[in-house]
PDB file of N, CA and C in Angstrom:
ATOM      1  N   MET A   1     112.699 144.889 116.346  1.00  0.00           N
ATOM      2  CA  MET A   1     111.384 144.341 116.101  1.00  0.00           C
ATOM      3  C   MET A   1     111.044 144.540 114.629  1.00  0.00           C
ATOM      4  N   GLN A   2     110.617 143.439 113.983  1.00  0.00           N
ATOM      5  CA  GLN A   2     110.258 143.504 112.574  1.00  0.00           C
ATOM      6  C   GLN A   2     108.755 143.649 112.439  1.00  0.00           C
ATOM      7  N   VAL A   3     108.363 144.447 111.499  1.00  0.00           N
ATOM      8  CA  VAL A   3     106.944 144.674 111.246  1.00  0.00           C
ATOM      9  C   VAL A   3     106.621 144.113 109.880  1.00  0.00           C
ATOM     10  N   LYS A   4     105.576 143.271 109.818  1.00  0.00           N
ATOM     11  CA  LYS A   4     105.140 142.719 108.544  1.00  0.00           C
ATOM     12  C   LYS A   4     104.242 143.722 107.855  1.00  0.00           C
ATOM     13  N   LYS A   5     104.503 143.951 106.586  1.00  0.00           N
ATOM     14  CA  LYS A   5     103.628 144.812 105.804  1.00  0.00           C
ATOM     15  C   LYS A   5     102.519 143.964 105.215  1.00  0.00           C
ATOM     16  N   VAL A   6     101.321 144.385 105.403  1.00  0.00           N
ATOM     17  CA  VAL A   6     100.167 143.643 104.897  1.00  0.00           C
ATOM     18  C   VAL A   6      99.514 144.470 103.814  1.00  0.00           C
ATOM     19  N   ASN A   7      99.271 143.813 102.693  1.00  0.00           N
ATOM     20  CA  ASN A   7      98.601 144.479 101.590  1.00  0.00           C
ATOM     21  C   ASN A   7      97.109 144.492 101.896  1.00  0.00           C
ATOM     22  N   PRO A   8      96.495 145.677 102.069  1.00  0.00           N
ATOM     23  CA  PRO A   8      95.087 145.722 102.451  1.00  0.00           C
ATOM     24  C   PRO A   8      94.146 145.185 101.380  1.00  0.00           C
ATOM     25  N   GLY A   9      94.582 145.065 100.144  1.00  0.00           N
ATOM     26  CA  GLY A   9      93.712 144.578  99.081  1.00  0.00           C
ATOM     27  C   GLY A   9      93.630 143.058  99.040  1.00  0.00           C
ATOM     28  N   LEU A  10      94.545 142.378  99.736  1.00  0.00           N
ATOM     29  CA  LEU A  10      94.557 140.914  99.704  1.00  0.00           C
ATOM     30  C   LEU A  10      93.901 140.350 100.945  1.00  0.00           C
ATOM     31  N   THR A  11      93.204 139.259 100.769  1.00  0.00           N
ATOM     32  CA  THR A  11      92.609 138.564 101.905  1.00  0.00           C
ATOM     33  C   THR A  11      93.313 137.223 102.057  1.00  0.00           C
ATOM     34  N   GLU A  12      92.936 136.457 103.050  1.00  0.00           N
ATOM     35  CA  GLU A  12      93.530 135.143 103.241  1.00  0.00           C
ATOM     36  C   GLU A  12      93.212 134.269 102.044  1.00  0.00           C
ATOM     37  N   PRO A  13      94.140 133.379 101.691  1.00  0.00           N
ATOM     38  CA  PRO A  13      93.865 132.505 100.549  1.00  0.00           C
ATOM     39  C   PRO A  13      92.668 131.612 100.835  1.00  0.00           C
ATOM     40  N   LYS A  14      91.862 131.392  99.806  1.00  0.00           N
ATOM     41  CA  LYS A  14      90.684 130.550  99.959  1.00  0.00           C
ATOM     42  C   LYS A  14      91.122 129.098 100.043  1.00  0.00           C
ATOM     43  N   ARG A  15      90.485 128.348 100.913  1.00  0.00           N
ATOM     44  CA  ARG A  15      90.777 126.932 101.053  1.00  0.00           C
ATOM     45  C   ARG A  15      89.691 126.123 100.371  1.00  0.00           C
ATOM     46  N   LYS A  16      90.111 124.990  99.850  1.00  0.00           N
ATOM     47  CA  LYS A  16      89.129 124.091  99.246  1.00  0.00           C
ATOM     48  C   LYS A  16      88.299 123.464 100.344  1.00  0.00           C
ATOM     49  N   PRO A  17      87.061 123.119 100.053  1.00  0.00           N
ATOM     50  CA  PRO A  17      86.266 122.421 101.063  1.00  0.00           C
ATOM     51  C   PRO A  17      86.899 121.069 101.391  1.00  0.00           C
ATOM     52  N   SER A  18      86.812 120.693 102.630  1.00  0.00           N
ATOM     53  CA  SER A  18      87.414 119.441 103.075  1.00  0.00           C
ATOM     54  C   SER A  18      86.667 118.260 102.479  1.00  0.00           C
ATOM     55  N   THR A  19      87.401 117.423 101.746  1.00  0.00           N
ATOM     56  CA  THR A  19      86.788 116.235 101.144  1.00  0.00           C
ATOM     57  C   THR A  19      87.467 115.017 101.748  1.00  0.00           C
ATOM     58  N   GLY A  20      87.663 114.045 101.682  1.00  0.00           N
ATOM     59  CA  GLY A  20      88.448 113.025 102.377  1.00  0.00           C
ATOM     60  C   GLY A  20      89.836 112.922 101.810  1.00  0.00           C
ATOM     61  N   GLU A  21      90.140 113.700 100.739  1.00  0.00           N
ATOM     62  CA  GLU A  21      91.423 113.584 100.076  1.00  0.00           C
ATOM     63  C   GLU A  21      92.512 114.420 100.734  1.00  0.00           C
ATOM     64  N   ASP A  22      92.159 115.210 101.745  1.00  0.00           N
ATOM     65  CA  ASP A  22      93.159 116.050 102.384  1.00  0.00           C
ATOM     66  C   ASP A  22      94.217 115.224 103.106  1.00  0.00           C
ATOM     67  N   ASN A  23      93.831 114.107 103.671  1.00  0.00           N
ATOM     68  CA  ASN A  23      94.790 113.280 104.385  1.00  0.00           C
ATOM     69  C   ASN A  23      95.280 112.111 103.530  1.00  0.00           C
ATOM     70  N   MET A  24      95.138 112.216 102.226  1.00  0.00           N
ATOM     71  CA  MET A  24      95.580 111.179 101.298  1.00  0.00           C
ATOM     72  C   MET A  24      97.105 111.184 101.240  1.00  0.00           C
ATOM     73  N   LYS A  25      97.726 110.017 101.378  1.00  0.00           N
ATOM     74  CA  LYS A  25      99.182 109.917 101.324  1.00  0.00           C
ATOM     75  C   LYS A  25      99.610 109.755  99.869  1.00  0.00           C
ATOM     76  N   ILE A  26     100.585 110.556  99.461  1.00  0.00           N
ATOM     77  CA  ILE A  26     101.087 110.532  98.083  1.00  0.00           C
ATOM     78  C   ILE A  26     102.588 110.296  98.130  1.00  0.00           C
ATOM     79  N   GLU A  27     103.071 109.376  97.310  1.00  0.00           N
ATOM     80  CA  GLU A  27     104.498 109.055  97.268  1.00  0.00           C
ATOM     81  C   GLU A  27     104.974 108.958  95.824  1.00  0.00           C
ATOM     82  N   TRP A  28     106.271 109.217  95.634  1.00  0.00           N
ATOM     83  CA  TRP A  28     106.897 109.013  94.332  1.00  0.00           C
ATOM     84  C   TRP A  28     107.149 107.524  94.154  1.00  0.00           C
ATOM     85  N   ILE A  29     107.038 107.035  92.928  1.00  0.00           N
ATOM     86  CA  ILE A  29     107.451 105.669  92.625  1.00  0.00           C
ATOM     87  C   ILE A  29     108.950 105.721  92.366  1.00  0.00           C
ATOM     88  N   LEU A  30     109.695 104.873  93.070  1.00  0.00           N
ATOM     89  CA  LEU A  30     111.142 104.813  92.899  1.00  0.00           C
ATOM     90  C   LEU A  30     111.497 103.655  91.974  1.00  0.00           C
ATOM     91  N   CYS A  31     112.565 103.848  91.215  1.00  0.00           N
ATOM     92  CA  CYS A  31     113.036 102.807  90.299  1.00  0.00           C
ATOM     93  C   CYS A  31     113.529 101.620  91.126  1.00  0.00           C
ATOM     94  N   PRO A  32     113.083 100.398  90.811  1.00  0.00           N
ATOM     95  CA  PRO A  32     113.533  99.233  91.575  1.00  0.00           C
ATOM     96  C   PRO A  32     114.999  98.880  91.328  1.00  0.00           C
ATOM     97  N   PHE A  33     115.633  99.435  90.293  1.00  0.00           N
ATOM     98  CA  PHE A  33     117.020  99.098  89.991  1.00  0.00           C
ATOM     99  C   PHE A  33     118.005 100.127  90.532  1.00  0.00           C
ATOM    100  N   CYS A  34     117.778 101.422  90.240  1.00  0.00           N
ATOM    101  CA  CYS A  34     118.743 102.431  90.683  1.00  0.00           C
ATOM    102  C   CYS A  34     118.258 103.227  91.890  1.00  0.00           C
ATOM    103  N   GLY A  35     116.960 103.152  92.236  1.00  0.00           N
ATOM    104  CA  GLY A  35     116.442 103.815  93.423  1.00  0.00           C
ATOM    105  C   GLY A  35     116.116 105.288  93.249  1.00  0.00           C
ATOM    106  N   SER A  36     116.234 105.816  92.038  1.00  0.00           N
ATOM    107  CA  SER A  36     115.924 107.232  91.828  1.00  0.00           C
ATOM    108  C   SER A  36     114.429 107.411  91.564  1.00  0.00           C
ATOM    109  N   LYS A  37     113.978 108.658  91.671  1.00  0.00           N
ATOM    110  CA  LYS A  37     112.569 108.956  91.426  1.00  0.00           C
ATOM    111  C   LYS A  37     112.243 108.781  89.952  1.00  0.00           C
ATOM    112  N   THR A  38     111.059 108.235  89.695  1.00  0.00           N
ATOM    113  CA  THR A  38     110.570 108.188  88.326  1.00  0.00           C
ATOM    114  C   THR A  38     109.671 109.405  88.136  1.00  0.00           C
ATOM    115  N   ARG A  39     108.946 109.466  87.071  1.00  0.00           N
ATOM    116  CA  ARG A  39     108.091 110.631  86.806  1.00  0.00           C
ATOM    117  C   ARG A  39     106.675 110.438  87.326  1.00  0.00           C
ATOM    118  N   LEU A  40     106.450 109.435  88.150  1.00  0.00           N
ATOM    119  CA  LEU A  40     105.096 109.105  88.585  1.00  0.00           C
ATOM    120  C   LEU A  40     104.940 109.230  90.094  1.00  0.00           C
ATOM    121  N   LYS A  41     103.754 109.678  90.502  1.00  0.00           N
ATOM    122  CA  LYS A  41     103.363 109.688  91.903  1.00  0.00           C
ATOM    123  C   LYS A  41     102.164 108.772  92.048  1.00  0.00           C
ATOM    124  N   ILE A  42     102.042 108.127  93.221  1.00  0.00           N
ATOM    125  CA  ILE A  42     100.880 107.295  93.485  1.00  0.00           C
ATOM    126  C   ILE A  42     100.236 107.732  94.788  1.00  0.00           C
ATOM    127  N   ARG A  43      98.925 107.509  94.884  1.00  0.00           N
ATOM    128  CA  ARG A  43      98.167 107.834  96.092  1.00  0.00           C
ATOM    129  C   ARG A  43      97.787 106.534  96.796  1.00  0.00           C
ATOM    130  N   ASP A  44      97.176 106.674  97.982  1.00  0.00           N
ATOM    131  CA  ASP A  44      96.736 105.497  98.739  1.00  0.00           C
ATOM    132  C   ASP A  44      95.810 104.607  97.928  1.00  0.00           C
ATOM    133  N   ASP A  45      94.931 105.207  97.145  1.00  0.00           N
ATOM    134  CA  ASP A  45      93.923 104.436  96.434  1.00  0.00           C
ATOM    135  C   ASP A  45      94.318 104.072  94.998  1.00  0.00           C
ATOM    136  N   THR A  46      95.602 104.221  94.642  1.00  0.00           N
ATOM    137  CA  THR A  46      96.068 103.891  93.296  1.00  0.00           C
ATOM    138  C   THR A  46      96.201 102.378  93.140  1.00  0.00           C
ATOM    139  N   VAL A  47      95.675 101.869  92.032  1.00  0.00           N
ATOM    140  CA  VAL A  47      95.804 100.449  91.707  1.00  0.00           C
ATOM    141  C   VAL A  47      96.352 100.351  90.288  1.00  0.00           C
ATOM    142  N   LEU A  48      97.494  99.687  90.136  1.00  0.00           N
ATOM    143  CA  LEU A  48      98.111  99.481  88.823  1.00  0.00           C
ATOM    144  C   LEU A  48      98.363  97.990  88.634  1.00  0.00           C
ATOM    145  N   GLU A  49      98.071  97.481  87.465  1.00  0.00           N
ATOM    146  CA  GLU A  49      98.334  96.083  87.114  1.00  0.00           C
ATOM    147  C   GLU A  49      99.084  96.066  85.792  1.00  0.00           C
ATOM    148  N   ASN A  50     100.171  95.342  85.727  1.00  0.00           N
ATOM    149  CA  ASN A  50     100.984  95.211  84.508  1.00  0.00           C
ATOM    150  C   ASN A  50     101.336  96.577  83.926  1.00  0.00           C
ATOM    151  N   PHE A  51     101.832  97.461  84.773  1.00  0.00           N
ATOM    152  CA  PHE A  51     102.165  98.816  84.351  1.00  0.00           C
ATOM    153  C   PHE A  51     103.643  98.885  83.966  1.00  0.00           C
ATOM    154  N   PRO A  52     103.968  99.375  82.761  1.00  0.00           N
ATOM    155  CA  PRO A  52     105.373  99.491  82.361  1.00  0.00           C
ATOM    156  C   PRO A  52     106.005 100.752  82.961  1.00  0.00           C
ATOM    157  N   LEU A  53     106.816 100.575  83.994  1.00  0.00           N
ATOM    158  CA  LEU A  53     107.486 101.683  84.667  1.00  0.00           C
ATOM    159  C   LEU A  53     108.809 101.948  83.980  1.00  0.00           C
ATOM    160  N   TYR A  54     109.016 103.200  83.546  1.00  0.00           N
ATOM    161  CA  TYR A  54     110.255 103.591  82.871  1.00  0.00           C
ATOM    162  C   TYR A  54     111.045 104.530  83.762  1.00  0.00           C
ATOM    163  N   CYS A  55     112.322 104.271  83.921  1.00  0.00           N
ATOM    164  CA  CYS A  55     113.203 105.141  84.703  1.00  0.00           C
ATOM    165  C   CYS A  55     114.024 105.994  83.741  1.00  0.00           C
ATOM    166  N   PRO A  56     113.890 107.333  83.822  1.00  0.00           N
ATOM    167  CA  PRO A  56     114.653 108.191  82.909  1.00  0.00           C
ATOM    168  C   PRO A  56     116.147 108.224  83.223  1.00  0.00           C
ATOM    169  N   LYS A  57     116.530 107.840  84.435  1.00  0.00           N
ATOM    170  CA  LYS A  57     117.947 107.888  84.807  1.00  0.00           C
ATOM    171  C   LYS A  57     118.704 106.674  84.274  1.00  0.00           C
ATOM    172  N   CYS A  58     118.226 105.464  84.600  1.00  0.00           N
ATOM    173  CA  CYS A  58     118.947 104.260  84.164  1.00  0.00           C
ATOM    174  C   CYS A  58     118.374 103.676  82.874  1.00  0.00           C
ATOM    175  N   LYS A  59     117.289 104.284  82.359  1.00  0.00           N
ATOM    176  CA  LYS A  59     116.662 103.896  81.092  1.00  0.00           C
ATOM    177  C   LYS A  59     116.220 102.429  81.094  1.00  0.00           C
ATOM    178  N   HIS A  60     115.716 101.986  82.243  1.00  0.00           N
ATOM    179  CA  HIS A  60     115.250 100.616  82.406  1.00  0.00           C
ATOM    180  C   HIS A  60     113.721 100.620  82.443  1.00  0.00           C
ATOM    181  N   GLU A  61     113.111  99.646  81.809  1.00  0.00           N
ATOM    182  CA  GLU A  61     111.655  99.523  81.846  1.00  0.00           C
ATOM    183  C   GLU A  61     111.289  98.222  82.547  1.00  0.00           C
ATOM    184  N   THR A  62     110.356  98.297  83.483  1.00  0.00           N
ATOM    185  CA  THR A  62     109.974  97.156  84.306  1.00  0.00           C
ATOM    186  C   THR A  62     108.457  97.093  84.421  1.00  0.00           C
ATOM    187  N   LEU A  63     107.896  95.914  84.413  1.00  0.00           N
ATOM    188  CA  LEU A  63     106.463  95.753  84.663  1.00  0.00           C
ATOM    189  C   LEU A  63     106.245  95.702  86.162  1.00  0.00           C
ATOM    190  N   ILE A  64     105.301  96.541  86.652  1.00  0.00           N
ATOM    191  CA  ILE A  64     105.029  96.589  88.084  1.00  0.00           C
ATOM    192  C   ILE A  64     103.530  96.454  88.341  1.00  0.00           C
ATOM    193  N   ALA A  65     103.202  96.159  89.587  1.00  0.00           N
ATOM    194  CA  ALA A  65     101.826  96.176  90.076  1.00  0.00           C
ATOM    195  C   ALA A  65     101.836  96.966  91.376  1.00  0.00           C
ATOM    196  N   VAL A  66     100.831  97.832  91.582  1.00  0.00           N
ATOM    197  CA  VAL A  66     100.759  98.655  92.784  1.00  0.00           C
ATOM    198  C   VAL A  66      99.368  98.539  93.383  1.00  0.00           C
ATOM    199  N   ARG A  67      99.310  98.300  94.691  1.00  0.00           N
ATOM    200  CA  ARG A  67      98.071  98.305  95.467  1.00  0.00           C
ATOM    201  C   ARG A  67      98.392  98.853  96.841  1.00  0.00           C
ATOM    202  N   GLN A  68      97.669  99.874  97.287  1.00  0.00           N
ATOM    203  CA  GLN A  68      97.827 100.497  98.600  1.00  0.00           C
ATOM    204  C   GLN A  68      99.284 100.855  98.891  1.00  0.00           C
ATOM    205  N   LEU A  69      99.928 101.531  97.956  1.00  0.00           N
ATOM    206  CA  LEU A  69     101.316 102.002  98.039  1.00  0.00           C
ATOM    207  C   LEU A  69     102.333 100.864  98.116  1.00  0.00           C
ATOM    208  N   ASN A  70     101.926  99.622  97.863  1.00  0.00           N
ATOM    209  CA  ASN A  70     102.853  98.490  97.830  1.00  0.00           C
ATOM    210  C   ASN A  70     103.192  98.174  96.385  1.00  0.00           C
ATOM    211  N   LEU A  71     104.464  98.286  96.049  1.00  0.00           N
ATOM    212  CA  LEU A  71     104.924  98.051  94.683  1.00  0.00           C
ATOM    213  C   LEU A  71     105.501  96.653  94.591  1.00  0.00           C
ATOM    214  N   SER A  72     105.102  95.899  93.583  1.00  0.00           N
ATOM    215  CA  SER A  72     105.695  94.588  93.342  1.00  0.00           C
ATOM    216  C   SER A  72     106.101  94.502  91.877  1.00  0.00           C
ATOM    217  N   ILE A  73     107.248  93.876  91.659  1.00  0.00           N
ATOM    218  CA  ILE A  73     107.795  93.727  90.309  1.00  0.00           C
ATOM    219  C   ILE A  73     107.243  92.447  89.708  1.00  0.00           C
ATOM    220  N   ILE A  74     106.780  92.529  88.473  1.00  0.00           N
ATOM    221  CA  ILE A  74     106.245  91.359  87.775  1.00  0.00           C
ATOM    222  C   ILE A  74     107.369  90.770  86.942  1.00  0.00           C
ATOM    223  N   GLN A  75     107.734  89.536  87.280  1.00  0.00           N
ATOM    224  CA  GLN A  75     108.806  88.851  86.558  1.00  0.00           C
ATOM    225  C   GLN A  75     108.202  88.078  85.397  1.00  0.00           C
ATOM    226  N   GLU A  76     108.689  88.351  84.209  1.00  0.00           N
ATOM    227  CA  GLU A  76     108.237  87.603  83.044  1.00  0.00           C
ATOM    228  C   GLU A  76     109.285  86.563  82.706  1.00  0.00           C
ATOM    229  N   PRO A  77     108.855  85.357  82.350  1.00  0.00           N
ATOM    230  CA  PRO A  77     109.843  84.339  81.987  1.00  0.00           C
ATOM    231  C   PRO A  77     110.544  84.719  80.681  1.00  0.00           C
ATOM    232  N   ASP A  78     111.813  84.356  80.618  1.00  0.00           N
ATOM    233  CA  ASP A  78     112.575  84.613  79.390  1.00  0.00           C
ATOM    234  C   ASP A  78     112.010  83.771  78.259  1.00  0.00           C
ATOM    235  N   ALA A  79     112.171  84.246  77.052  1.00  0.00           N
ATOM    236  CA  ALA A  79     111.699  83.503  75.889  1.00  0.00           C
ATOM    237  C   ALA A  79     112.570  82.257  75.707  1.00  0.00           C
ATOM    238  N   LYS A  80     111.914  81.158  75.484  1.00  0.00           N
ATOM    239  CA  LYS A  80     112.653  79.904  75.273  1.00  0.00           C
ATOM    240  C   LYS A  80     113.092  79.830  73.827  1.00  0.00           C
ATOM    241  N   THR A  81     114.271  79.259  73.624  1.00  0.00           N
ATOM    242  CA  THR A  81     114.735  79.070  72.256  1.00  0.00           C
ATOM    243  C   THR A  81     113.969  77.916  71.635  1.00  0.00           C
ATOM    244  N   GLN A  82     113.746  78.017  70.362  1.00  0.00           N
ATOM    245  CA  GLN A  82     112.975  76.999  69.674  1.00  0.00           C
ATOM    246  C   GLN A  82     113.866  75.803  69.376  1.00  0.00           C
ATOM    247  N   SER A  83     113.420  74.653  69.802  1.00  0.00           N
ATOM    248  CA  SER A  83     114.209  73.441  69.536  1.00  0.00           C
ATOM    249  C   SER A  83     113.693  72.756  68.266  1.00  0.00           C
ATOM    250  N   ARG A  84     114.578  72.026  67.612  1.00  0.00           N
ATOM    251  CA  ARG A  84     114.201  71.363  66.351  1.00  0.00           C
ATOM    252  C   ARG A  84     113.936  69.924  66.556  1.00  0.00           C
TER     253      ARG A  84
END
């Protein structure tokens, strides 16, 4: 039988008051090309428009839009060559 030693000077950790953010879903943004984690996290209420997402692993930069944890890639048309 194991006995837990309790430090009498410590009490239970204090909890933050419940706000509606306790059940907020948080996810990592994954790179659309290599699938690895980027340096960003998003929450349910995150809204991003024309955001330049950089992947430190594959060193690719992509414009994205995020609404309600749905990520979409913004495709920009290639530059047209100038005709004479």
